[in-house]
Amino acid sequence: MLKRIRELREARGITPQQMATCLDISVEKYLRFETGKIQMRTPILLGIAKCLDCSMDYLLERSDKPYLLYNEKE
């Protein structure tokens, strides 16, 4: 999960500072989440999904699609 968060953040050109601002936390605390030094609780994970504009399933590695497509037939 942590690898996906970092990869997606970097692919989108978002800095750790921008993520911290989006989550309303310090950049130091964000980096501790991203590196796994402290465990993420659900509200932070939801915030990360919102900041990265992706699905929770993608972050939790339950899907390989970063976006939730409602019109897509499976």
PDB file of N, CA and C in Angstrom:
ATOM      1  N   MET A   1       0.822  -1.188   0.000  1.00  0.00           N
ATOM      2  CA  MET A   1       0.000   0.000   0.000  1.00  0.00           C
ATOM      3  C   MET A   1       0.872   1.261   0.000  1.00  0.00           C
ATOM      4  N   LEU A   2       1.898   1.282   0.826  1.00  0.00           N
ATOM      5  CA  LEU A   2       2.728   2.479   0.925  1.00  0.00           C
ATOM      6  C   LEU A   2       3.437   2.774  -0.392  1.00  0.00           C
ATOM      7  N   LYS A   3       3.869   1.711  -1.061  1.00  0.00           N
ATOM      8  CA  LYS A   3       4.531   1.882  -2.356  1.00  0.00           C
ATOM      9  C   LYS A   3       3.569   2.505  -3.361  1.00  0.00           C
ATOM     10  N   ARG A   4       2.326   2.054  -3.353  1.00  0.00           N
ATOM     11  CA  ARG A   4       1.323   2.603  -4.281  1.00  0.00           C
ATOM     12  C   ARG A   4       1.069   4.080  -4.020  1.00  0.00           C
ATOM     13  N   ILE A   5       0.980   4.440  -2.765  1.00  0.00           N
ATOM     14  CA  ILE A   5       0.722   5.842  -2.420  1.00  0.00           C
ATOM     15  C   ILE A   5       1.850   6.717  -2.950  1.00  0.00           C
ATOM     16  N   ARG A   6       3.070   6.316  -2.683  1.00  0.00           N
ATOM     17  CA  ARG A   6       4.218   7.111  -3.138  1.00  0.00           C
ATOM     18  C   ARG A   6       4.290   7.155  -4.665  1.00  0.00           C
ATOM     19  N   GLU A   7       4.119   6.005  -5.310  1.00  0.00           N
ATOM     20  CA  GLU A   7       4.189   5.962  -6.774  1.00  0.00           C
ATOM     21  C   GLU A   7       3.122   6.846  -7.407  1.00  0.00           C
ATOM     22  N   LEU A   8       1.907   6.780  -6.892  1.00  0.00           N
ATOM     23  CA  LEU A   8       0.822   7.578  -7.451  1.00  0.00           C
ATOM     24  C   LEU A   8       1.043   9.065  -7.187  1.00  0.00           C
ATOM     25  N   ARG A   9       1.509   9.377  -5.992  1.00  0.00           N
ATOM     26  CA  ARG A   9       1.809  10.778  -5.667  1.00  0.00           C
ATOM     27  C   ARG A   9       2.866  11.327  -6.615  1.00  0.00           C
ATOM     28  N   GLU A  10       3.927  10.572  -6.820  1.00  0.00           N
ATOM     29  CA  GLU A  10       4.997  11.022  -7.707  1.00  0.00           C
ATOM     30  C   GLU A  10       4.533  11.098  -9.159  1.00  0.00           C
ATOM     31  N   ALA A  11       3.735  10.122  -9.593  1.00  0.00           N
ATOM     32  CA  ALA A  11       3.224  10.125 -10.962  1.00  0.00           C
ATOM     33  C   ALA A  11       2.347  11.346 -11.235  1.00  0.00           C
ATOM     34  N   ARG A  12       1.666  11.797 -10.204  1.00  0.00           N
ATOM     35  CA  ARG A  12       0.795  12.967 -10.349  1.00  0.00           C
ATOM     36  C   ARG A  12       1.556  14.277 -10.146  1.00  0.00           C
ATOM     37  N   GLY A  13       2.836  14.182  -9.816  1.00  0.00           N
ATOM     38  CA  GLY A  13       3.634  15.381  -9.605  1.00  0.00           C
ATOM     39  C   GLY A  13       3.290  16.127  -8.326  1.00  0.00           C
ATOM     40  N   ILE A  14       2.817  15.390  -7.331  1.00  0.00           N
ATOM     41  CA  ILE A  14       2.428  15.987  -6.052  1.00  0.00           C
ATOM     42  C   ILE A  14       3.572  15.806  -5.061  1.00  0.00           C
ATOM     43  N   THR A  15       3.959  16.875  -4.402  1.00  0.00           N
ATOM     44  CA  THR A  15       5.043  16.809  -3.422  1.00  0.00           C
ATOM     45  C   THR A  15       4.505  16.367  -2.060  1.00  0.00           C
ATOM     46  N   PRO A  16       5.398  15.890  -1.190  1.00  0.00           N
ATOM     47  CA  PRO A  16       4.958  15.580   0.170  1.00  0.00           C
ATOM     48  C   PRO A  16       4.340  16.805   0.862  1.00  0.00           C
ATOM     49  N   GLN A  17       4.872  17.983   0.597  1.00  0.00           N
ATOM     50  CA  GLN A  17       4.322  19.210   1.187  1.00  0.00           C
ATOM     51  C   GLN A  17       2.883  19.438   0.730  1.00  0.00           C
ATOM     52  N   GLN A  18       2.617  19.211  -0.552  1.00  0.00           N
ATOM     53  CA  GLN A  18       1.257  19.382  -1.069  1.00  0.00           C
ATOM     54  C   GLN A  18       0.312  18.356  -0.450  1.00  0.00           C
ATOM     55  N   MET A  19       0.789  17.128  -0.270  1.00  0.00           N
ATOM     56  CA  MET A  19      -0.051  16.108   0.378  1.00  0.00           C
ATOM     57  C   MET A  19      -0.349  16.508   1.813  1.00  0.00           C
ATOM     58  N   ALA A  20       0.665  16.971   2.527  1.00  0.00           N
ATOM     59  CA  ALA A  20       0.470  17.384   3.914  1.00  0.00           C
ATOM     60  C   ALA A  20      -0.538  18.522   3.997  1.00  0.00           C
ATOM     61  N   THR A  21      -0.441  19.470   3.088  1.00  0.00           N
ATOM     62  CA  THR A  21      -1.385  20.583   3.064  1.00  0.00           C
ATOM     63  C   THR A  21      -2.796  20.081   2.785  1.00  0.00           C
ATOM     64  N   CYS A  22      -2.929  19.182   1.839  1.00  0.00           N
ATOM     65  CA  CYS A  22      -4.239  18.614   1.497  1.00  0.00           C
ATOM     66  C   CYS A  22      -4.849  17.887   2.704  1.00  0.00           C
ATOM     67  N   LEU A  23      -4.001  17.221   3.477  1.00  0.00           N
ATOM     68  CA  LEU A  23      -4.467  16.450   4.631  1.00  0.00           C
ATOM     69  C   LEU A  23      -4.537  17.281   5.916  1.00  0.00           C
ATOM     70  N   ASP A  24      -4.048  18.509   5.844  1.00  0.00           N
ATOM     71  CA  ASP A  24      -4.011  19.409   6.996  1.00  0.00           C
ATOM     72  C   ASP A  24      -3.177  18.840   8.142  1.00  0.00           C
ATOM     73  N   ILE A  25      -1.998  18.311   7.778  1.00  0.00           N
ATOM     74  CA  ILE A  25      -1.038  17.806   8.759  1.00  0.00           C
ATOM     75  C   ILE A  25       0.340  18.344   8.384  1.00  0.00           C
ATOM     76  N   SER A  26       1.317  18.137   9.247  1.00  0.00           N
ATOM     77  CA  SER A  26       2.676  18.585   8.931  1.00  0.00           C
ATOM     78  C   SER A  26       3.293  17.650   7.895  1.00  0.00           C
ATOM     79  N   VAL A  27       4.257  18.166   7.141  1.00  0.00           N
ATOM     80  CA  VAL A  27       4.928  17.341   6.139  1.00  0.00           C
ATOM     81  C   VAL A  27       5.697  16.209   6.820  1.00  0.00           C
ATOM     82  N   GLU A  28       6.224  16.469   7.998  1.00  0.00           N
ATOM     83  CA  GLU A  28       6.946  15.434   8.738  1.00  0.00           C
ATOM     84  C   GLU A  28       6.013  14.270   9.081  1.00  0.00           C
ATOM     85  N   LYS A  29       4.812  14.604   9.527  1.00  0.00           N
ATOM     86  CA  LYS A  29       3.848  13.549   9.873  1.00  0.00           C
ATOM     87  C   LYS A  29       3.422  12.795   8.615  1.00  0.00           C
ATOM     88  N   TYR A  30       3.202  13.518   7.518  1.00  0.00           N
ATOM     89  CA  TYR A  30       2.832  12.834   6.274  1.00  0.00           C
ATOM     90  C   TYR A  30       3.926  11.851   5.866  1.00  0.00           C
ATOM     91  N   LEU A  31       5.167  12.283   5.914  1.00  0.00           N
ATOM     92  CA  LEU A  31       6.269  11.406   5.511  1.00  0.00           C
ATOM     93  C   LEU A  31       6.386  10.190   6.427  1.00  0.00           C
ATOM     94  N   ARG A  32       6.043  10.343   7.693  1.00  0.00           N
ATOM     95  CA  ARG A  32       6.031   9.174   8.594  1.00  0.00           C
ATOM     96  C   ARG A  32       4.939   8.195   8.176  1.00  0.00           C
ATOM     97  N   PHE A  33       3.798   8.701   7.721  1.00  0.00           N
ATOM     98  CA  PHE A  33       2.754   7.811   7.194  1.00  0.00           C
ATOM     99  C   PHE A  33       3.243   7.112   5.933  1.00  0.00           C
ATOM    100  N   GLU A  34       3.788   7.894   4.990  1.00  0.00           N
ATOM    101  CA  GLU A  34       4.182   7.344   3.694  1.00  0.00           C
ATOM    102  C   GLU A  34       5.304   6.313   3.814  1.00  0.00           C
ATOM    103  N   THR A  35       6.174   6.476   4.794  1.00  0.00           N
ATOM    104  CA  THR A  35       7.279   5.526   4.969  1.00  0.00           C
ATOM    105  C   THR A  35       6.936   4.389   5.924  1.00  0.00           C
ATOM    106  N   GLY A  36       5.742   4.417   6.498  1.00  0.00           N
ATOM    107  CA  GLY A  36       5.317   3.337   7.372  1.00  0.00           C
ATOM    108  C   GLY A  36       5.838   3.423   8.786  1.00  0.00           C
ATOM    109  N   LYS A  37       6.398   4.570   9.161  1.00  0.00           N
ATOM    110  CA  LYS A  37       6.911   4.721  10.525  1.00  0.00           C
ATOM    111  C   LYS A  37       5.783   4.844  11.538  1.00  0.00           C
ATOM    112  N   ILE A  38       4.636   5.349  11.092  1.00  0.00           N
ATOM    113  CA  ILE A  38       3.443   5.339  11.933  1.00  0.00           C
ATOM    114  C   ILE A  38       2.282   4.788  11.100  1.00  0.00           C
ATOM    115  N   GLN A  39       1.387   4.111  11.770  1.00  0.00           N
ATOM    116  CA  GLN A  39       0.277   3.459  11.095  1.00  0.00           C
ATOM    117  C   GLN A  39      -0.812   4.459  10.717  1.00  0.00           C
ATOM    118  N   MET A  40      -1.345   4.290   9.510  1.00  0.00           N
ATOM    119  CA  MET A  40      -2.431   5.157   9.042  1.00  0.00           C
ATOM    120  C   MET A  40      -3.759   4.658   9.582  1.00  0.00           C
ATOM    121  N   ARG A  41      -4.534   5.575  10.062  1.00  0.00           N
ATOM    122  CA  ARG A  41      -5.907   5.252  10.449  1.00  0.00           C
ATOM    123  C   ARG A  41      -6.808   5.571   9.261  1.00  0.00           C
ATOM    124  N   THR A  42      -8.012   5.080   9.315  1.00  0.00           N
ATOM    125  CA  THR A  42      -8.951   5.223   8.204  1.00  0.00           C
ATOM    126  C   THR A  42      -9.143   6.668   7.742  1.00  0.00           C
ATOM    127  N   PRO A  43      -9.311   7.642   8.620  1.00  0.00           N
ATOM    128  CA  PRO A  43      -9.507   9.011   8.129  1.00  0.00           C
ATOM    129  C   PRO A  43      -8.329   9.532   7.287  1.00  0.00           C
ATOM    130  N   ILE A  44      -7.106   9.171   7.667  1.00  0.00           N
ATOM    131  CA  ILE A  44      -5.937   9.597   6.882  1.00  0.00           C
ATOM    132  C   ILE A  44      -5.938   8.888   5.535  1.00  0.00           C
ATOM    133  N   LEU A  45      -6.228   7.601   5.528  1.00  0.00           N
ATOM    134  CA  LEU A  45      -6.264   6.854   4.273  1.00  0.00           C
ATOM    135  C   LEU A  45      -7.340   7.401   3.337  1.00  0.00           C
ATOM    136  N   LEU A  46      -8.496   7.729   3.890  1.00  0.00           N
ATOM    137  CA  LEU A  46      -9.554   8.339   3.081  1.00  0.00           C
ATOM    138  C   LEU A  46      -9.097   9.681   2.520  1.00  0.00           C
ATOM    139  N   GLY A  47      -8.405  10.459   3.335  1.00  0.00           N
ATOM    140  CA  GLY A  47      -7.887  11.744   2.894  1.00  0.00           C
ATOM    141  C   GLY A  47      -6.863  11.594   1.788  1.00  0.00           C
ATOM    142  N   ILE A  48      -5.998  10.603   1.906  1.00  0.00           N
ATOM    143  CA  ILE A  48      -4.992  10.353   0.865  1.00  0.00           C
ATOM    144  C   ILE A  48      -5.668   9.981  -0.441  1.00  0.00           C
ATOM    145  N   ALA A  49      -6.688   9.133  -0.378  1.00  0.00           N
ATOM    146  CA  ALA A  49      -7.422   8.759  -1.594  1.00  0.00           C
ATOM    147  C   ALA A  49      -8.047   9.990  -2.235  1.00  0.00           C
ATOM    148  N   LYS A  50      -8.594  10.860  -1.423  1.00  0.00           N
ATOM    149  CA  LYS A  50      -9.207  12.080  -1.949  1.00  0.00           C
ATOM    150  C   LYS A  50      -8.142  12.996  -2.558  1.00  0.00           C
ATOM    151  N   CYS A  51      -7.038  13.186  -1.865  1.00  0.00           N
ATOM    152  CA  CYS A  51      -5.967  14.056  -2.373  1.00  0.00           C
ATOM    153  C   CYS A  51      -5.376  13.529  -3.677  1.00  0.00           C
ATOM    154  N   LEU A  52      -5.274  12.208  -3.789  1.00  0.00           N
ATOM    155  CA  LEU A  52      -4.706  11.599  -4.997  1.00  0.00           C
ATOM    156  C   LEU A  52      -5.765  11.306  -6.045  1.00  0.00           C
ATOM    157  N   ASP A  53      -7.018  11.570  -5.724  1.00  0.00           N
ATOM    158  CA  ASP A  53      -8.134  11.322  -6.638  1.00  0.00           C
ATOM    159  C   ASP A  53      -8.121   9.883  -7.139  1.00  0.00           C
ATOM    160  N   CYS A  54      -8.120   8.959  -6.186  1.00  0.00           N
ATOM    161  CA  CYS A  54      -8.128   7.533  -6.544  1.00  0.00           C
ATOM    162  C   CYS A  54      -9.049   6.791  -5.582  1.00  0.00           C
ATOM    163  N   SER A  55      -9.275   5.540  -5.886  1.00  0.00           N
ATOM    164  CA  SER A  55     -10.162   4.738  -5.047  1.00  0.00           C
ATOM    165  C   SER A  55      -9.401   4.148  -3.862  1.00  0.00           C
ATOM    166  N   MET A  56     -10.129   3.879  -2.798  1.00  0.00           N
ATOM    167  CA  MET A  56      -9.548   3.206  -1.639  1.00  0.00           C
ATOM    168  C   MET A  56      -9.110   1.793  -2.027  1.00  0.00           C
ATOM    169  N   ASP A  57      -9.881   1.147  -2.889  1.00  0.00           N
ATOM    170  CA  ASP A  57      -9.520  -0.203  -3.330  1.00  0.00           C
ATOM    171  C   ASP A  57      -8.150  -0.219  -3.987  1.00  0.00           C
ATOM    172  N   TYR A  58      -7.842   0.815  -4.766  1.00  0.00           N
ATOM    173  CA  TYR A  58      -6.530   0.887  -5.401  1.00  0.00           C
ATOM    174  C   TYR A  58      -5.437   1.032  -4.342  1.00  0.00           C
ATOM    175  N   LEU A  59      -5.637   1.920  -3.382  1.00  0.00           N
ATOM    176  CA  LEU A  59      -4.633   2.113  -2.342  1.00  0.00           C
ATOM    177  C   LEU A  59      -4.426   0.851  -1.509  1.00  0.00           C
ATOM    178  N   LEU A  60      -5.509   0.120  -1.263  1.00  0.00           N
ATOM    179  CA  LEU A  60      -5.434  -1.092  -0.455  1.00  0.00           C
ATOM    180  C   LEU A  60      -5.055  -2.326  -1.267  1.00  0.00           C
ATOM    181  N   GLU A  61      -4.719  -2.104  -2.550  1.00  0.00           N
ATOM    182  CA  GLU A  61      -4.290  -3.160  -3.472  1.00  0.00           C
ATOM    183  C   GLU A  61      -5.376  -4.204  -3.709  1.00  0.00           C
ATOM    184  N   ARG A  62      -6.621  -3.756  -3.672  1.00  0.00           N
ATOM    185  CA  ARG A  62      -7.750  -4.628  -3.997  1.00  0.00           C
ATOM    186  C   ARG A  62      -8.145  -4.473  -5.452  1.00  0.00           C
ATOM    187  N   SER A  63      -7.533  -3.504  -6.127  1.00  0.00           N
ATOM    188  CA  SER A  63      -7.800  -3.232  -7.536  1.00  0.00           C
ATOM    189  C   SER A  63      -6.535  -2.673  -8.166  1.00  0.00           C
ATOM    190  N   ASP A  64      -6.365  -2.943  -9.451  1.00  0.00           N
ATOM    191  CA  ASP A  64      -5.239  -2.375 -10.183  1.00  0.00           C
ATOM    192  C   ASP A  64      -5.635  -1.114 -10.926  1.00  0.00           C
ATOM    193  N   LYS A  65      -6.872  -0.692 -10.762  1.00  0.00           N
ATOM    194  CA  LYS A  65      -7.376   0.513 -11.423  1.00  0.00           C
ATOM    195  C   LYS A  65      -7.435   1.639 -10.399  1.00  0.00           C
ATOM    196  N   PRO A  66      -6.671   2.713 -10.631  1.00  0.00           N
ATOM    197  CA  PRO A  66      -6.681   3.788  -9.641  1.00  0.00           C
ATOM    198  C   PRO A  66      -8.000   4.545  -9.562  1.00  0.00           C
ATOM    199  N   TYR A  67      -8.803   4.474 -10.604  1.00  0.00           N
ATOM    200  CA  TYR A  67     -10.063   5.221 -10.617  1.00  0.00           C
ATOM    201  C   TYR A  67     -11.233   4.268 -10.541  1.00  0.00           C
ATOM    202  N   LEU A  68     -12.268   4.696  -9.893  1.00  0.00           N
ATOM    203  CA  LEU A  68     -13.502   3.938  -9.824  1.00  0.00           C
ATOM    204  C   LEU A  68     -14.390   4.405 -10.968  1.00  0.00           C
ATOM    205  N   LEU A  69     -14.602   3.533 -11.903  1.00  0.00           N
ATOM    206  CA  LEU A  69     -15.402   3.885 -13.083  1.00  0.00           C
ATOM    207  C   LEU A  69     -16.778   3.275 -12.951  1.00  0.00           C
ATOM    208  N   TYR A  70     -17.765   4.120 -12.724  1.00  0.00           N
ATOM    209  CA  TYR A  70     -19.117   3.640 -12.490  1.00  0.00           C
ATOM    210  C   TYR A  70     -19.774   3.099 -13.739  1.00  0.00           C
ATOM    211  N   ASN A  71     -19.393   3.567 -14.898  1.00  0.00           N
ATOM    212  CA  ASN A  71     -20.018   3.137 -16.136  1.00  0.00           C
ATOM    213  C   ASN A  71     -19.361   1.925 -16.743  1.00  0.00           C
ATOM    214  N   GLU A  72     -18.330   1.444 -16.141  1.00  0.00           N
ATOM    215  CA  GLU A  72     -17.577   0.325 -16.688  1.00  0.00           C
ATOM    216  C   GLU A  72     -18.276  -0.986 -16.353  1.00  0.00           C
ATOM    217  N   LYS A  73     -18.439  -1.857 -17.359  1.00  0.00           N
ATOM    218  CA  LYS A  73     -19.005  -3.184 -17.132  1.00  0.00           C
ATOM    219  C   LYS A  73     -17.872  -4.153 -16.874  1.00  0.00           C
ATOM    220  N   GLU A  74     -18.061  -4.976 -15.875  1.00  0.00           N
ATOM    221  CA  GLU A  74     -16.995  -5.944 -15.545  1.00  0.00           C
ATOM    222  C   GLU A  74     -17.330  -7.305 -16.077  1.00  0.00           C
TER     223      GLU A  74
END
